[in-house]
Each structure stands twice: as C-alpha cells, then as structure tokens.
Amino acid sequence: MKAMNYKACVCNLCGTGCGQFLKTDGQKVFGVAPLIAHPVSKGKLCIRGWHSNELLSTNERITTPLIREQGQLRPASYEEAIALVAERLTQLNGEAGEIGILASARSSNEDNFTLARLAHEVFNTRIQGIGAEAGHRKSMASLEHAFGYPGAHGSLTSIDKADYILVVGTDITRQNPIIGGNIHAAQRRGARVVTLSSSRTQIAKLSTKHYQQKPGTKGLLVNALAKALLAIRTVNHDRRANIDLLPGYAEYVASLRSISSVALERASGIRYEEIEEEAKHLEQAKSIVILFSSGISGLDRPTIDAITNLALLTDRMDNENSAVIPVAGISNLQGSFDMGVSGELGNSVFKALATPDSPIKALFAIDHDDGIIRDKARIAELDFVVYSCAYKNAFMELADVVFPLPAYNETDGTYTAADKRVQITHKNVDNPHGVLAGWALFQKIAKTMGHDWQYNDTASVFNDLAKHTPGYHDLSHAQLSKGFGQHWNPKAFAGYRQRKFNAINIEYWESPTTAEFPFALMIGKAQHYWHQNNLMRKTIVPRREYDQTLWLYPHGYIEISPDDATRLKVKDKWLVNVHSSIGTHMKIAVKISPDVQNGTAYIPYFIKNMISDFLLPYENAYAAGEESVVPIKIQEA
C-alpha cells in the first residue's frame, strides 16, 4: 500500500482559484484540505471545494474512445477514432463555416490553446465559442476600453485592505463563496460594503448598505452615484489629476448631468438623496474594489460600462488595494478568452447552431454540461459531432465520436482566475486508464491531418502559448510552480494605461409588464444551480443540496413575495402556471420569499427545460443576463 500524502493544487470548480490539498496515495483521492497560505482562499474552501475528492473519485468516467455504429457507441482505439475524425472533417469546408468548435471554460490554458490551433490551423474554422461565455465578452470589451486590456484591473486580495467595496448584482456568497466570505470579513474590519441588487441576497444582508432597486436599473444607479460623486468635487473645487483629460470624459459628464432625480426615483425606486449620501462615503475612500458577475449570468454592456466609468471617475484605481473584477462562476473562463477560443462577433458557434440555414455541419465540443444543452435538436441533426470529456453525460448521446479526457490533477495544467492570476496544478494522481491529455489528443488529430506541432509535454505547450498570448510572456511552468501563481502582465497590451471612458446613454427603465402580465420575472443562479452542472452531478454531498431542493420542489420553483402570494391566494409549494407574454408556459411550484420585491418573481437556472422551452424565445432578455426581465402572469394550477 502506498503512503498517503497531501498534494497542493488549485480548485477547479469556480473562477476564484482557491488553493487546496488533495489527500492521495497517488492512485486515488481520499479527501481535501484547505491551503492556509493561499493569498485568496487563506485556508478556506466552500462546500464544492471540500468535496472535490468525490468528483475525482467518481466511477462515471469516460475511459476509452468511442465510435457510434448502428446507433450505439462502441469502444475504439485512439488510432481508429482519430482517423475517423480526420476523414470526416477533411470532407468539410471549415472556412465556409461548416465546422464549429464549442470549447470549455473548465479546460486548462494548454488544452484551450491547442484547441484554438486545431480549429484555426487544421480545421480552418473560426466558428467557435465557450459554453459559459455569455456576458464575459461584454465585460472584456468594457474593461479593455476603460483600462486598455481585456481583463480584471487589480487583484482579489485587494478585498482584504480596501476601504470601500461595491458589489453590483450577483449573490457572490453563493456563486463564489470564498470571495463572499472575504467581503464579509472586510465589512467586519470596517470596510464599507455596498450591494446593488433587486432582491435581498445573502451578500446584501451582510453588507453595510443594500440598495434594493427595481429590476433593470443597476446601471442607472451606478451612473447616478457617479453624478453625485462628480457634484461633490464640483462643490469642493476638487480637480482630480488628469481624469477630466481622459477621452470620453466630456461626453460622460454631460450624460451624467442629464440624470433627473425624479425620473431616477420613478425608474429605480431609489431616491437621489440616498445616492448623494452614498457618494460622500465613496469620495472619502482611499481604496475601492468593485465586483460584478460575469459569464452566463453576467450584466449587460451598459451596466458594465457604468461600472468601469465609475471606477475611473473615483481616481482611486492606481491604489494598490483598488480593483475592478468581473467574477466568473467557472474556473478558467478568463483563461479561455485569453487563449482565443471565445466566439468572435459574426463567428459565434451559438449563432451558427441557432440559425436554421447556417452552413454548420459538424461540431467539435469539449466538456459540456448535460443539464442544459442549447440547440440540442440542431446538434442532433448535424452530420458529425465529436465530444471530449472526462465524465459521462447526456451530451455523449449526440456524438458520433467520443474521446476521454483526464480529470484535473491527473495531468499538469494552468488555470487563470477571475483576477488574471495564472496558477498551475500538477499531476497529483495516476491517470488510471492512460487517456490522452487534451493538448496531446488535439496534437494527434492535427498530426493525422498533416500538422506536426512537436510538443513534448504540457510545459512545452505553455512555453508556446506564452509566446503568442499577450500578458503571458513572462510566465512559465517552472515559475508558476513557485508560490501561488502570478497575474498576467497587462503591460503587454499596447493600450495599457491609455484609459478612456465608455460612452453611455441615460435611459430610464420602463417595466415591460402589463395588466395581463403583471410580474417582472428575473432569472439567475441559486446555490443549487451549480449542482446541475457536469461536475457537481458527479459528487455526493454537494449534489445532495440540489436533490433536497428537488425533494421539496420536484418541478423547480418560482419565488414571489408574501404579499403577492396572498393576492394570488397560493401557498408555498403549490403548483402554479406561469405564462410569458409571448406564449411560453411552464407549471412550477411557488416558493414564498421575503427577499423578493412585490411585483417581481425569480427563477434559478436549474430547471432543465426552462432555458430551452421558456427563456430562449426571449433571446434579448437572455443576452441581458442578470438584468433580464420577462413579463409573466401567474395563475393557480
């Protein structure tokens, strides 16, 4: 029997990038312990991190390549499966948009870099996307315009010393619990924590001040806060160095001054006088951290522009304890964008799949969740589908060829957290079935199709990606193996320090609700949301929470306020019919919550058919992420 040991690694279950130890004999993982010295997690793990050993020990693994014959998947050799992929994809015209790539935000940087090479150099396609990229592109575009590079400004460790922390939207205590815990600790030591959220979330309850605005008005409130901050400086004749010289300043200030306090209160439900008081606190802060959700439940572009503009206007962003960070719910969403596998405008694989007459005929997909498969019917009709993943799931049923991948900790790889911290996880556990790492699989496919990359190991892949990825030039596996990673260097971007204000338009949100459809439905995440994804469904304890929720609400739930429940004459767990204004419908249980405002309703994503059947017809609302509002009516079933 091998001796038990503790191996340091990076948790792969959200964009925080916590440090953890795996208790392992080198063959199997028996437990997890927190890594006390890690600068962000500091000896803490959330329920997902504490039970990641369950994921790494599951028997629901894909262990060999599979080929579909006569409707059934059968085992195959790598050579046979790769030859079939090469034969079928060679027959298609990638340049004409016939091949699509669907990457994973959980893949390592090395795997995504080689996947991008496979797509661009071998398949000759730019039709691509990342499973959880919705929202993050807007964050990157806004941040790059404001700060000159597409990534977070500052570090998550700034939370520990900041005077003022603004959380826009997201219930970060549930999406990224360790960050939420750090914010709570900051509030306890005296930092002012302010949350803008239309519902009374957990982080809102832990904040110094919660502004519970009407849905769809977060950006308006952030702009109003900027107007009040500007007014303080005007009265005090306080001219901040060079802020008024930044491109876009004059237009930005003109837009801010057009904000009407009366219209603001009518639209958001928040009085401008409250915002003026808040601006006094913001003005006094020496260091400021602003956090917002990015990814599938991210904010819309106008709201993100309002956030980055406010950050610039504070003139505190050069303080070492200031930051603006788009917080991702998936481990390597930032790194996936850095590696170039996101869907460029006009070349989105999601758009190709959703457009009935698009030329797409084949899909090469990596690690897709099985709970929600967008455009499932279209994927099923494609000529050829290749799927690669460590774990079995329903997406396999759509595939003609399936490749296994190792789990994290069965191979070396780097991951980039929400604040640009690049960290390495080494191989800590045997790869029991000898499956190829992603980069090695993609290299074999490339070689079969006439491209010889000559990578020897993961470190050699990283050395190549460091040469071609802005900000990564100074990094290597050897360097990242010391300490707790390193933020990629924004100075590599030509626009570094060329700060600019984003253009904004002041709009006063008008509720789309009507007398017939009087409820404003919001969609987002709940704590059990992440138990629906491909990884958490392979665990025991974390998934138990999800299963318990289903035990209480087998058909899912819609949260409404106690007053609305009384008006509707319904009680908790009663089934109701929910009708949208465009005719979609679902039957679902009521969950009565004092955290929800009257006239609003909330549904978490975890309901399987909600995305495909109920929400997707509201494409614009879906694109708005956390700011989406769908007018509905609720009737007793």
Foldseek 3Di string as FASTA:
>chain_A
DADWDWDWFWDFQFQQGFIKTFTDSQAATDWIFGDQPALQLNRDDDPCRRFLSLLQHFPQFDQAKWFDDPLDTDGDHLVVQLVVVLVVLVVDQQCQPAEEEEEELSAFLLLLLLVVCLSCVQSVHQQFAYQFQQFLVLLQVLCCQFFVGRAKQADLSLLQPWQEEEEEEDLCCQLPVSSLVSNLVSVVVHRAYEYEYLFCHPSNVSGPYYQNWDFQCSLVLLLLLLLLLVVVCVVVVPDDPCLCVAAPNVLSNVQSVPDDQVLSCVQIVDGSVVSNVVSVSLLPILAYEYEFEGTQQGFDNSSSLSVSQSVSSSVNSVPNSHIYFHTTSGHASVSSVLSPRHRDVVSYNLVQLVDVPRNHQEYEYEAFWQLADASLVSLLPHNAYEYEEGGDHDVVSSHRMYAYARDQLCAWGWGQHRRQFIAIGHNSHHPVSPGDHSSVSSQVSSVVSPDHPPDDGSQSSLCVSLVVGQQSVVDGPVVRVPHGGDGRDSVSRPCRRSGHRDRHHNDRDDDPADPQQQAWEFEAADSLQSCSTPSNVSTDVSVVVVVVQCVLWVQFEKEAEPVVCVVQVHDFQFWKWKAFPVGFIDITTYHYDNRHDHRYMYGYPSRRCCCPGPCVVVVVLSSSRRSRITGIDIHGD
